[in-house]
PDB file of N, CA and C in Angstrom:
ATOM      1  N   MET A   1      14.651   0.386  28.589  1.00  0.00           N
ATOM      2  CA  MET A   1      14.600   0.845  30.308  1.00  0.00           C
ATOM      3  C   MET A   1      15.237  -1.008  30.810  1.00  0.00           C
ATOM      4  N   GLY A   2      14.608  -1.955  30.049  1.00  0.00           N
ATOM      5  CA  GLY A   2      15.196  -3.238  30.647  1.00  0.00           C
ATOM      6  C   GLY A   2      13.980  -3.944  30.552  1.00  0.00           C
ATOM      7  N   SER A   3      13.508  -5.297  30.577  1.00  0.00           N
ATOM      8  CA  SER A   3      12.182  -6.062  30.821  1.00  0.00           C
ATOM      9  C   SER A   3      11.666  -6.037  32.250  1.00  0.00           C
ATOM     10  N   CYS A   4      10.308  -5.804  32.413  1.00  0.00           N
ATOM     11  CA  CYS A   4       9.870  -6.048  33.777  1.00  0.00           C
ATOM     12  C   CYS A   4       8.578  -6.468  33.623  1.00  0.00           C
ATOM     13  N   CYS A   5       8.197  -6.493  34.630  1.00  0.00           N
ATOM     14  CA  CYS A   5       6.402  -6.992  34.936  1.00  0.00           C
ATOM     15  C   CYS A   5       6.096  -6.200  35.890  1.00  0.00           C
ATOM     16  N   PHE A   6       4.852  -5.540  35.405  1.00  0.00           N
ATOM     17  CA  PHE A   6       3.938  -4.564  36.197  1.00  0.00           C
ATOM     18  C   PHE A   6       2.892  -5.394  36.738  1.00  0.00           C
ATOM     19  N   GLN A   7       2.402  -4.968  38.222  1.00  0.00           N
ATOM     20  CA  GLN A   7       1.091  -5.359  38.619  1.00  0.00           C
ATOM     21  C   GLN A   7       0.604  -4.327  39.306  1.00  0.00           C
ATOM     22  N   GLN A   8      -0.557  -3.925  39.068  1.00  0.00           N
ATOM     23  CA  GLN A   8      -1.419  -2.812  39.909  1.00  0.00           C
ATOM     24  C   GLN A   8      -2.441  -3.255  40.662  1.00  0.00           C
ATOM     25  N   ARG A   9      -2.131  -2.299  42.306  1.00  0.00           N
ATOM     26  CA  ARG A   9      -3.275  -2.828  42.751  1.00  0.00           C
ATOM     27  C   ARG A   9      -3.854  -1.249  43.612  1.00  0.00           C
ATOM     28  N   ARG A  10      -4.906  -1.361  44.145  1.00  0.00           N
ATOM     29  CA  ARG A  10      -5.699   0.005  44.831  1.00  0.00           C
ATOM     30  C   ARG A  10      -5.964  -0.571  45.687  1.00  0.00           C
ATOM     31  N   GLY A  11      -6.434   0.502  46.833  1.00  0.00           N
ATOM     32  CA  GLY A  11      -7.402  -0.223  47.949  1.00  0.00           C
ATOM     33  C   GLY A  11      -6.928   0.642  48.848  1.00  0.00           C
ATOM     34  N   ARG A  12      -5.949   0.458  49.866  1.00  0.00           N
ATOM     35  CA  ARG A  12      -5.841   0.828  51.381  1.00  0.00           C
ATOM     36  C   ARG A  12      -5.540   2.189  51.580  1.00  0.00           C
ATOM     37  N   LEU A  13      -5.278   2.630  52.862  1.00  0.00           N
ATOM     38  CA  LEU A  13      -5.149   3.963  53.058  1.00  0.00           C
ATOM     39  C   LEU A  13      -3.567   3.715  53.883  1.00  0.00           C
ATOM     40  N   GLU A  14      -3.041   4.592  53.854  1.00  0.00           N
ATOM     41  CA  GLU A  14      -1.458   5.444  54.255  1.00  0.00           C
ATOM     42  C   GLU A  14      -1.681   6.412  54.623  1.00  0.00           C
ATOM     43  N   ASP A  15      -1.242   6.924  55.684  1.00  0.00           N
ATOM     44  CA  ASP A  15      -0.805   7.918  56.051  1.00  0.00           C
ATOM     45  C   ASP A  15      -2.379   8.643  56.045  1.00  0.00           C
ATOM     46  N   ALA A  16      -3.347   8.101  56.061  1.00  0.00           N
ATOM     47  CA  ALA A  16      -4.569   8.943  55.748  1.00  0.00           C
ATOM     48  C   ALA A  16      -5.142   9.557  54.330  1.00  0.00           C
ATOM     49  N   ARG A  17      -4.328   8.747  53.483  1.00  0.00           N
ATOM     50  CA  ARG A  17      -4.401   8.930  52.323  1.00  0.00           C
ATOM     51  C   ARG A  17      -4.815   7.535  51.211  1.00  0.00           C
ATOM     52  N   ARG A  18      -5.732   7.677  50.239  1.00  0.00           N
ATOM     53  CA  ARG A  18      -5.721   6.445  49.099  1.00  0.00           C
ATOM     54  C   ARG A  18      -4.454   6.153  48.689  1.00  0.00           C
ATOM     55  N   THR A  19      -4.335   5.095  48.706  1.00  0.00           N
ATOM     56  CA  THR A  19      -2.811   4.455  48.157  1.00  0.00           C
ATOM     57  C   THR A  19      -3.314   3.783  46.884  1.00  0.00           C
ATOM     58  N   GLY A  20      -2.251   3.884  45.897  1.00  0.00           N
ATOM     59  CA  GLY A  20      -2.066   2.884  44.729  1.00  0.00           C
ATOM     60  C   GLY A  20      -0.736   2.181  44.697  1.00  0.00           C
ATOM     61  N   PHE A  21      -0.651   1.009  44.069  1.00  0.00           N
ATOM     62  CA  PHE A  21       0.344   0.571  44.267  1.00  0.00           C
ATOM     63  C   PHE A  21       0.681  -0.081  42.746  1.00  0.00           C
ATOM     64  N   VAL A  22       2.177   0.202  42.227  1.00  0.00           N
ATOM     65  CA  VAL A  22       2.526  -0.596  41.263  1.00  0.00           C
ATOM     66  C   VAL A  22       3.799  -1.238  41.283  1.00  0.00           C
ATOM     67  N   PHE A  23       3.525  -2.668  41.456  1.00  0.00           N
ATOM     68  CA  PHE A  23       4.803  -3.451  41.407  1.00  0.00           C
ATOM     69  C   PHE A  23       5.462  -3.848  40.229  1.00  0.00           C
ATOM     70  N   ILE A  24       6.781  -3.776  40.268  1.00  0.00           N
ATOM     71  CA  ILE A  24       7.486  -3.868  39.099  1.00  0.00           C
ATOM     72  C   ILE A  24       8.944  -5.015  39.423  1.00  0.00           C
ATOM     73  N   ASP A  25       8.682  -6.187  38.758  1.00  0.00           N
ATOM     74  CA  ASP A  25       9.861  -7.000  38.960  1.00  0.00           C
ATOM     75  C   ASP A  25      10.680  -6.741  37.703  1.00  0.00           C
ATOM     76  N   ILE A  26      11.857  -6.704  38.146  1.00  0.00           N
ATOM     77  CA  ILE A  26      12.737  -6.124  37.027  1.00  0.00           C
ATOM     78  C   ILE A  26      13.613  -7.497  36.957  1.00  0.00           C
ATOM     79  N   VAL A  27      13.923  -7.709  35.786  1.00  0.00           N
ATOM     80  CA  VAL A  27      14.520  -8.759  35.034  1.00  0.00           C
ATOM     81  C   VAL A  27      15.847  -8.260  34.145  1.00  0.00           C
ATOM     82  N   GLY A  28      16.994  -9.217  34.650  1.00  0.00           N
ATOM     83  CA  GLY A  28      18.187  -8.567  33.673  1.00  0.00           C
ATOM     84  C   GLY A  28      18.875  -7.421  33.715  1.00  0.00           C
ATOM     85  N   ARG A  29      18.459  -6.555  35.088  1.00  0.00           N
ATOM     86  CA  ARG A  29      19.003  -5.063  35.248  1.00  0.00           C
ATOM     87  C   ARG A  29      19.126  -4.704  36.704  1.00  0.00           C
ATOM     88  N   ASP A  30      20.043  -4.041  37.115  1.00  0.00           N
ATOM     89  CA  ASP A  30      20.016  -3.311  38.416  1.00  0.00           C
ATOM     90  C   ASP A  30      19.337  -2.852  39.363  1.00  0.00           C
ATOM     91  N   LEU A  31      18.739  -2.793  40.128  1.00  0.00           N
ATOM     92  CA  LEU A  31      17.517  -2.228  40.816  1.00  0.00           C
ATOM     93  C   LEU A  31      17.770  -0.780  40.834  1.00  0.00           C
ATOM     94  N   GLY A  32      18.985  -0.395  41.082  1.00  0.00           N
ATOM     95  CA  GLY A  32      19.139   1.296  41.608  1.00  0.00           C
ATOM     96  C   GLY A  32      19.055   2.132  40.092  1.00  0.00           C
ATOM     97  N   GLY A  33      19.938   1.494  39.334  1.00  0.00           N
ATOM     98  CA  GLY A  33      19.964   1.648  37.781  1.00  0.00           C
ATOM     99  C   GLY A  33      18.625   1.845  37.223  1.00  0.00           C
ATOM    100  N   TYR A  34      17.769   0.970  37.281  1.00  0.00           N
ATOM    101  CA  TYR A  34      16.355   1.237  36.918  1.00  0.00           C
ATOM    102  C   TYR A  34      15.509   2.201  37.850  1.00  0.00           C
ATOM    103  N   VAL A  35      15.397   2.388  38.765  1.00  0.00           N
ATOM    104  CA  VAL A  35      14.525   3.237  39.454  1.00  0.00           C
ATOM    105  C   VAL A  35      15.344   4.470  39.394  1.00  0.00           C
ATOM    106  N   GLU A  36      16.509   4.677  39.431  1.00  0.00           N
ATOM    107  CA  GLU A  36      17.044   5.888  38.963  1.00  0.00           C
ATOM    108  C   GLU A  36      16.311   6.418  37.462  1.00  0.00           C
ATOM    109  N   GLU A  37      16.541   5.471  36.279  1.00  0.00           N
ATOM    110  CA  GLU A  37      16.134   5.874  35.225  1.00  0.00           C
ATOM    111  C   GLU A  37      14.668   5.981  34.839  1.00  0.00           C
ATOM    112  N   ALA A  38      13.786   5.265  35.696  1.00  0.00           N
ATOM    113  CA  ALA A  38      12.240   5.220  35.899  1.00  0.00           C
ATOM    114  C   ALA A  38      11.640   6.518  36.547  1.00  0.00           C
ATOM    115  N   ARG A  39      12.416   7.129  37.592  1.00  0.00           N
ATOM    116  CA  ARG A  39      12.097   8.344  38.357  1.00  0.00           C
ATOM    117  C   ARG A  39      12.495   9.591  37.245  1.00  0.00           C
ATOM    118  N   GLN A  40      13.689   9.315  36.183  1.00  0.00           N
ATOM    119  CA  GLN A  40      13.434  10.461  35.528  1.00  0.00           C
ATOM    120  C   GLN A  40      12.454  10.345  34.446  1.00  0.00           C
ATOM    121  N   VAL A  41      12.193   9.220  33.928  1.00  0.00           N
ATOM    122  CA  VAL A  41      11.072   9.292  32.884  1.00  0.00           C
ATOM    123  C   VAL A  41       9.652   9.706  33.651  1.00  0.00           C
ATOM    124  N   VAL A  42       9.530   9.232  34.651  1.00  0.00           N
ATOM    125  CA  VAL A  42       8.081   9.634  35.560  1.00  0.00           C
ATOM    126  C   VAL A  42       8.483  11.258  35.483  1.00  0.00           C
ATOM    127  N   THR A  43       9.379  11.751  36.280  1.00  0.00           N
ATOM    128  CA  THR A  43       9.584  13.232  36.327  1.00  0.00           C
ATOM    129  C   THR A  43       9.186  14.231  35.193  1.00  0.00           C
ATOM    130  N   ASP A  44       9.673  13.487  34.087  1.00  0.00           N
ATOM    131  CA  ASP A  44       9.575  14.158  32.699  1.00  0.00           C
ATOM    132  C   ASP A  44       8.217  14.226  32.099  1.00  0.00           C
ATOM    133  N   THR A  45       7.538  12.881  32.383  1.00  0.00           N
ATOM    134  CA  THR A  45       6.269  12.766  31.675  1.00  0.00           C
ATOM    135  C   THR A  45       5.049  12.739  32.211  1.00  0.00           C
ATOM    136  N   VAL A  46       4.905  13.064  33.717  1.00  0.00           N
ATOM    137  CA  VAL A  46       3.967  12.903  34.532  1.00  0.00           C
ATOM    138  C   VAL A  46       3.841  13.952  35.432  1.00  0.00           C
ATOM    139  N   THR A  47       3.015  14.513  35.122  1.00  0.00           N
ATOM    140  CA  THR A  47       1.952  15.727  36.189  1.00  0.00           C
ATOM    141  C   THR A  47       1.047  15.274  36.808  1.00  0.00           C
ATOM    142  N   LEU A  48       1.414  15.902  38.324  1.00  0.00           N
ATOM    143  CA  LEU A  48       0.652  14.912  39.268  1.00  0.00           C
ATOM    144  C   LEU A  48      -0.304  16.317  39.550  1.00  0.00           C
ATOM    145  N   PRO A  49      -1.617  16.057  39.899  1.00  0.00           N
ATOM    146  CA  PRO A  49      -2.719  16.768  40.488  1.00  0.00           C
ATOM    147  C   PRO A  49      -2.311  17.391  41.974  1.00  0.00           C
ATOM    148  N   PRO A  50      -2.601  18.468  42.409  1.00  0.00           N
ATOM    149  CA  PRO A  50      -2.499  18.593  44.043  1.00  0.00           C
ATOM    150  C   PRO A  50      -2.952  17.817  44.573  1.00  0.00           C
ATOM    151  N   GLY A  51      -2.171  17.558  45.652  1.00  0.00           N
ATOM    152  CA  GLY A  51      -2.619  16.397  46.606  1.00  0.00           C
ATOM    153  C   GLY A  51      -2.126  14.783  46.505  1.00  0.00           C
ATOM    154  N   TYR A  52      -1.377  14.713  45.268  1.00  0.00           N
ATOM    155  CA  TYR A  52      -0.991  13.507  44.816  1.00  0.00           C
ATOM    156  C   TYR A  52       0.591  13.540  44.758  1.00  0.00           C
ATOM    157  N   SER A  53       1.114  12.351  45.277  1.00  0.00           N
ATOM    158  CA  SER A  53       2.581  12.171  45.403  1.00  0.00           C
ATOM    159  C   SER A  53       2.843  10.580  44.940  1.00  0.00           C
ATOM    160  N   ILE A  54       4.098  10.787  44.259  1.00  0.00           N
ATOM    161  CA  ILE A  54       4.765   9.313  44.303  1.00  0.00           C
ATOM    162  C   ILE A  54       6.037   8.984  44.871  1.00  0.00           C
ATOM    163  N   THR A  55       5.867   7.577  45.656  1.00  0.00           N
ATOM    164  CA  THR A  55       6.999   7.188  46.769  1.00  0.00           C
ATOM    165  C   THR A  55       7.587   6.140  45.962  1.00  0.00           C
ATOM    166  N   TRP A  56       8.750   6.031  46.094  1.00  0.00           N
ATOM    167  CA  TRP A  56       9.469   4.845  45.614  1.00  0.00           C
ATOM    168  C   TRP A  56       9.740   4.175  46.812  1.00  0.00           C
ATOM    169  N   ALA A  57       9.462   2.362  46.859  1.00  0.00           N
ATOM    170  CA  ALA A  57       9.540   2.015  47.932  1.00  0.00           C
ATOM    171  C   ALA A  57       9.793   0.515  47.643  1.00  0.00           C
ATOM    172  N   GLY A  58       9.782  -0.463  48.644  1.00  0.00           N
ATOM    173  CA  GLY A  58      10.214  -1.715  48.649  1.00  0.00           C
ATOM    174  C   GLY A  58      11.810  -1.670  48.786  1.00  0.00           C
ATOM    175  N   GLN A  59      12.513  -2.757  47.918  1.00  0.00           N
ATOM    176  CA  GLN A  59      13.776  -3.424  47.905  1.00  0.00           C
ATOM    177  C   GLN A  59      14.651  -1.607  47.956  1.00  0.00           C
ATOM    178  N   TYR A  60      14.307  -1.423  46.862  1.00  0.00           N
ATOM    179  CA  TYR A  60      14.611   0.207  46.533  1.00  0.00           C
ATOM    180  C   TYR A  60      15.194   1.025  47.679  1.00  0.00           C
ATOM    181  N   ALA A  61      13.940   1.148  48.428  1.00  0.00           N
ATOM    182  CA  ALA A  61      13.861   1.819  49.673  1.00  0.00           C
ATOM    183  C   ALA A  61      14.664   1.545  50.838  1.00  0.00           C
ATOM    184  N   PHE A  62      14.606  -0.029  50.764  1.00  0.00           N
ATOM    185  CA  PHE A  62      15.659  -0.541  51.757  1.00  0.00           C
ATOM    186  C   PHE A  62      17.147  -0.371  51.598  1.00  0.00           C
ATOM    187  N   ILE A  63      17.365  -0.762  50.494  1.00  0.00           N
ATOM    188  CA  ILE A  63      18.813  -0.143  49.714  1.00  0.00           C
ATOM    189  C   ILE A  63      19.147   1.120  49.748  1.00  0.00           C
ATOM    190  N   GLN A  64      18.645   1.913  49.952  1.00  0.00           N
ATOM    191  CA  GLN A  64      18.656   3.631  50.116  1.00  0.00           C
ATOM    192  C   GLN A  64      19.000   3.936  51.620  1.00  0.00           C
ATOM    193  N   ARG A  65      18.355   3.189  52.514  1.00  0.00           N
ATOM    194  CA  ARG A  65      18.681   3.280  54.130  1.00  0.00           C
ATOM    195  C   ARG A  65      19.771   2.595  54.151  1.00  0.00           C
ATOM    196  N   MET A  66      19.829   1.492  53.904  1.00  0.00           N
ATOM    197  CA  MET A  66      21.425   0.841  54.192  1.00  0.00           C
ATOM    198  C   MET A  66      22.501   2.238  53.730  1.00  0.00           C
ATOM    199  N   GLN A  67      22.446   2.193  52.521  1.00  0.00           N
ATOM    200  CA  GLN A  67      23.370   3.056  52.059  1.00  0.00           C
ATOM    201  C   GLN A  67      23.571   4.441  53.076  1.00  0.00           C
ATOM    202  N   ASP A  68      22.550   5.037  53.353  1.00  0.00           N
ATOM    203  CA  ASP A  68      22.554   6.206  54.048  1.00  0.00           C
ATOM    204  C   ASP A  68      23.440   5.741  55.723  1.00  0.00           C
ATOM    205  N   ARG A  69      22.820   4.492  55.730  1.00  0.00           N
ATOM    206  CA  ARG A  69      23.265   3.890  57.286  1.00  0.00           C
ATOM    207  C   ARG A  69      24.666   3.909  57.219  1.00  0.00           C
ATOM    208  N   LEU A  70      25.048   3.248  56.349  1.00  0.00           N
ATOM    209  CA  LEU A  70      26.557   2.860  56.200  1.00  0.00           C
ATOM    210  C   LEU A  70      27.684   4.145  55.958  1.00  0.00           C
ATOM    211  N   THR A  71      27.096   5.064  55.339  1.00  0.00           N
ATOM    212  CA  THR A  71      27.898   6.189  55.238  1.00  0.00           C
ATOM    213  C   THR A  71      28.345   6.763  56.668  1.00  0.00           C
ATOM    214  N   LEU A  72      27.543   6.696  57.513  1.00  0.00           N
ATOM    215  CA  LEU A  72      27.884   6.741  58.986  1.00  0.00           C
ATOM    216  C   LEU A  72      28.530   5.659  59.863  1.00  0.00           C
ATOM    217  N   VAL A  73      28.125   4.666  59.809  1.00  0.00           N
ATOM    218  CA  VAL A  73      29.206   3.375  60.190  1.00  0.00           C
ATOM    219  C   VAL A  73      30.377   3.026  59.736  1.00  0.00           C
ATOM    220  N   VAL A  74      30.731   3.361  58.348  1.00  0.00           N
ATOM    221  CA  VAL A  74      32.160   2.881  58.143  1.00  0.00           C
ATOM    222  C   VAL A  74      32.860   3.951  58.595  1.00  0.00           C
ATOM    223  N   PRO A  75      32.687   5.296  58.217  1.00  0.00           N
ATOM    224  CA  PRO A  75      33.803   6.093  59.080  1.00  0.00           C
ATOM    225  C   PRO A  75      33.978   6.066  60.368  1.00  0.00           C
ATOM    226  N   ALA A  76      32.891   5.993  61.064  1.00  0.00           N
ATOM    227  CA  ALA A  76      33.232   5.731  62.446  1.00  0.00           C
ATOM    228  C   ALA A  76      33.705   4.582  63.170  1.00  0.00           C
ATOM    229  N   THR A  77      33.270   3.402  62.176  1.00  0.00           N
ATOM    230  CA  THR A  77      34.354   2.072  62.458  1.00  0.00           C
ATOM    231  C   THR A  77      35.820   2.236  61.990  1.00  0.00           C
ATOM    232  N   PHE A  78      36.299   3.032  61.200  1.00  0.00           N
ATOM    233  CA  PHE A  78      37.425   3.445  60.782  1.00  0.00           C
ATOM    234  C   PHE A  78      38.035   4.488  62.184  1.00  0.00           C
ATOM    235  N   LEU A  79      37.449   5.189  62.365  1.00  0.00           N
ATOM    236  CA  LEU A  79      37.655   6.137  63.407  1.00  0.00           C
ATOM    237  C   LEU A  79      37.784   5.459  64.670  1.00  0.00           C
ATOM    238  N   ILE A  80      37.115   4.490  65.036  1.00  0.00           N
ATOM    239  CA  ILE A  80      37.449   3.606  66.387  1.00  0.00           C
ATOM    240  C   ILE A  80      38.826   3.030  66.208  1.00  0.00           C
ATOM    241  N   ILE A  81      38.836   2.045  64.992  1.00  0.00           N
ATOM    242  CA  ILE A  81      39.841   0.993  64.960  1.00  0.00           C
ATOM    243  C   ILE A  81      41.172   2.301  65.077  1.00  0.00           C
ATOM    244  N   THR A  82      41.250   3.658  64.569  1.00  0.00           N
ATOM    245  CA  THR A  82      42.494   4.358  64.227  1.00  0.00           C
ATOM    246  C   THR A  82      42.873   4.736  65.929  1.00  0.00           C
ATOM    247  N   LEU A  83      42.099   4.912  66.532  1.00  0.00           N
ATOM    248  CA  LEU A  83      42.107   5.031  68.050  1.00  0.00           C
ATOM    249  C   LEU A  83      42.624   3.774  68.724  1.00  0.00           C
ATOM    250  N   MET A  84      41.648   2.776  68.526  1.00  0.00           N
ATOM    251  CA  MET A  84      42.396   1.685  69.464  1.00  0.00           C
ATOM    252  C   MET A  84      44.020   1.290  68.922  1.00  0.00           C
ATOM    253  N   LEU A  85      44.280   1.589  67.606  1.00  0.00           N
ATOM    254  CA  LEU A  85      45.464   1.088  67.323  1.00  0.00           C
ATOM    255  C   LEU A  85      46.155   2.369  67.884  1.00  0.00           C
ATOM    256  N   PHE A  86      45.936   3.632  67.982  1.00  0.00           N
ATOM    257  CA  PHE A  86      46.959   4.562  68.764  1.00  0.00           C
ATOM    258  C   PHE A  86      46.862   4.016  70.382  1.00  0.00           C
ATOM    259  N   MET A  87      45.997   3.505  70.928  1.00  0.00           N
ATOM    260  CA  MET A  87      45.980   3.314  72.197  1.00  0.00           C
ATOM    261  C   MET A  87      47.112   2.313  72.670  1.00  0.00           C
ATOM    262  N   ALA A  88      47.216   1.216  71.406  1.00  0.00           N
ATOM    263  CA  ALA A  88      47.757   0.105  71.586  1.00  0.00           C
ATOM    264  C   ALA A  88      49.503   0.488  71.240  1.00  0.00           C
ATOM    265  N   PHE A  89      49.612   1.517  70.513  1.00  0.00           N
ATOM    266  CA  PHE A  89      50.882   1.568  70.115  1.00  0.00           C
ATOM    267  C   PHE A  89      51.366   2.976  70.301  1.00  0.00           C
ATOM    268  N   SER A  90      50.659   3.864  70.904  1.00  0.00           N
ATOM    269  CA  SER A  90      51.289   5.237  71.581  1.00  0.00           C
ATOM    270  C   SER A  90      52.237   6.000  70.297  1.00  0.00           C
ATOM    271  N   ARG A  91      51.945   5.650  69.266  1.00  0.00           N
ATOM    272  CA  ARG A  91      52.692   6.355  68.344  1.00  0.00           C
ATOM    273  C   ARG A  91      52.003   6.460  67.125  1.00  0.00           C
ATOM    274  N   VAL A  92      51.827   7.795  66.456  1.00  0.00           N
ATOM    275  CA  VAL A  92      51.401   8.316  65.183  1.00  0.00           C
ATOM    276  C   VAL A  92      51.988   7.219  64.010  1.00  0.00           C
ATOM    277  N   THR A  93      53.112   7.295  64.038  1.00  0.00           N
ATOM    278  CA  THR A  93      53.847   6.763  63.314  1.00  0.00           C
ATOM    279  C   THR A  93      53.429   5.235  62.389  1.00  0.00           C
ATOM    280  N   GLU A  94      53.495   4.386  63.701  1.00  0.00           N
ATOM    281  CA  GLU A  94      53.310   3.004  63.648  1.00  0.00           C
ATOM    282  C   GLU A  94      51.846   3.105  63.186  1.00  0.00           C
ATOM    283  N   VAL A  95      50.756   3.748  63.689  1.00  0.00           N
ATOM    284  CA  VAL A  95      49.266   3.695  63.397  1.00  0.00           C
ATOM    285  C   VAL A  95      49.345   3.740  61.912  1.00  0.00           C
ATOM    286  N   ALA A  96      50.201   4.851  61.166  1.00  0.00           N
ATOM    287  CA  ALA A  96      49.946   5.445  60.053  1.00  0.00           C
ATOM    288  C   ALA A  96      50.593   4.158  59.058  1.00  0.00           C
ATOM    289  N   ILE A  97      51.532   3.582  59.318  1.00  0.00           N
ATOM    290  CA  ILE A  97      51.957   2.615  58.668  1.00  0.00           C
ATOM    291  C   ILE A  97      51.234   1.390  58.592  1.00  0.00           C
ATOM    292  N   ILE A  98      50.257   1.219  59.682  1.00  0.00           N
ATOM    293  CA  ILE A  98      49.336   0.230  59.848  1.00  0.00           C
ATOM    294  C   ILE A  98      48.075   0.503  58.965  1.00  0.00           C
ATOM    295  N   LEU A  99      47.644   1.597  59.021  1.00  0.00           N
ATOM    296  CA  LEU A  99      46.576   2.147  57.958  1.00  0.00           C
ATOM    297  C   LEU A  99      46.801   2.266  56.558  1.00  0.00           C
ATOM    298  N   ALA A 100      48.459   2.710  56.451  1.00  0.00           N
ATOM    299  CA  ALA A 100      48.949   2.805  54.929  1.00  0.00           C
ATOM    300  C   ALA A 100      48.576   1.077  54.233  1.00  0.00           C
ATOM    301  N   ALA A 101      49.250   0.216  54.949  1.00  0.00           N
ATOM    302  CA  ALA A 101      48.915  -1.103  54.757  1.00  0.00           C
ATOM    303  C   ALA A 101      47.291  -1.731  54.378  1.00  0.00           C
ATOM    304  N   LEU A 102      46.279  -0.795  54.849  1.00  0.00           N
ATOM    305  CA  LEU A 102      45.187  -1.464  54.684  1.00  0.00           C
ATOM    306  C   LEU A 102      44.574  -1.667  53.381  1.00  0.00           C
ATOM    307  N   PRO A 103      44.648  -0.698  52.503  1.00  0.00           N
ATOM    308  CA  PRO A 103      44.497  -0.910  51.208  1.00  0.00           C
ATOM    309  C   PRO A 103      44.756  -2.400  50.443  1.00  0.00           C
ATOM    310  N   VAL A 104      46.236  -2.536  50.650  1.00  0.00           N
ATOM    311  CA  VAL A 104      46.960  -3.921  50.094  1.00  0.00           C
ATOM    312  C   VAL A 104      46.097  -5.143  51.293  1.00  0.00           C
ATOM    313  N   ALA A 105      45.951  -4.803  52.124  1.00  0.00           N
ATOM    314  CA  ALA A 105      45.423  -6.015  52.866  1.00  0.00           C
ATOM    315  C   ALA A 105      44.167  -6.281  52.312  1.00  0.00           C
ATOM    316  N   LEU A 106      43.142  -5.099  51.947  1.00  0.00           N
ATOM    317  CA  LEU A 106      41.966  -5.493  51.471  1.00  0.00           C
ATOM    318  C   LEU A 106      41.902  -6.243  50.103  1.00  0.00           C
ATOM    319  N   ALA A 107      42.753  -5.651  49.495  1.00  0.00           N
ATOM    320  CA  ALA A 107      43.130  -6.106  48.135  1.00  0.00           C
ATOM    321  C   ALA A 107      43.043  -7.541  47.845  1.00  0.00           C
ATOM    322  N   GLY A 108      44.187  -8.136  49.048  1.00  0.00           N
ATOM    323  CA  GLY A 108      44.015  -9.494  49.113  1.00  0.00           C
ATOM    324  C   GLY A 108      45.860  -9.469  49.010  1.00  0.00           C
ATOM    325  N   GLY A 109      46.497  -8.654  49.262  1.00  0.00           N
ATOM    326  CA  GLY A 109      47.864  -8.856  49.612  1.00  0.00           C
ATOM    327  C   GLY A 109      48.521  -8.684  48.164  1.00  0.00           C
ATOM    328  N   SER A 110      49.811  -9.070  47.782  1.00  0.00           N
ATOM    329  CA  SER A 110      50.507  -8.933  46.666  1.00  0.00           C
ATOM    330  C   SER A 110      50.393 -10.512  45.898  1.00  0.00           C
ATOM    331  N   GLY A 111      50.006 -10.598  44.591  1.00  0.00           N
ATOM    332  CA  GLY A 111      50.129 -11.401  43.812  1.00  0.00           C
ATOM    333  C   GLY A 111      50.273 -12.905  44.188  1.00  0.00           C
TER     334      GLY A 111
END
């Protein structure tokens, strides 16, 4: 799974439930890949009694929320830019030419 450092804490209440924490400091591995692999291992090996749950939080949860937000923001931005181009040029052909050049522009142009 990669090298990591575990730190365990107990104690406080969250959502009216006693909560325990396991802190993991991942070294030499991407966070998303580690959490996905750890999730699979925990799912395969740990049986939780009724009333218990596991939540993956921290930077991983932040990254997941940002990815969810970007799946909405990026297409909406693309749509707004397309509408603005159409309003400026009033021709679908010119807008299509500009949008067709977009991948080349994002790649940095030609050699």
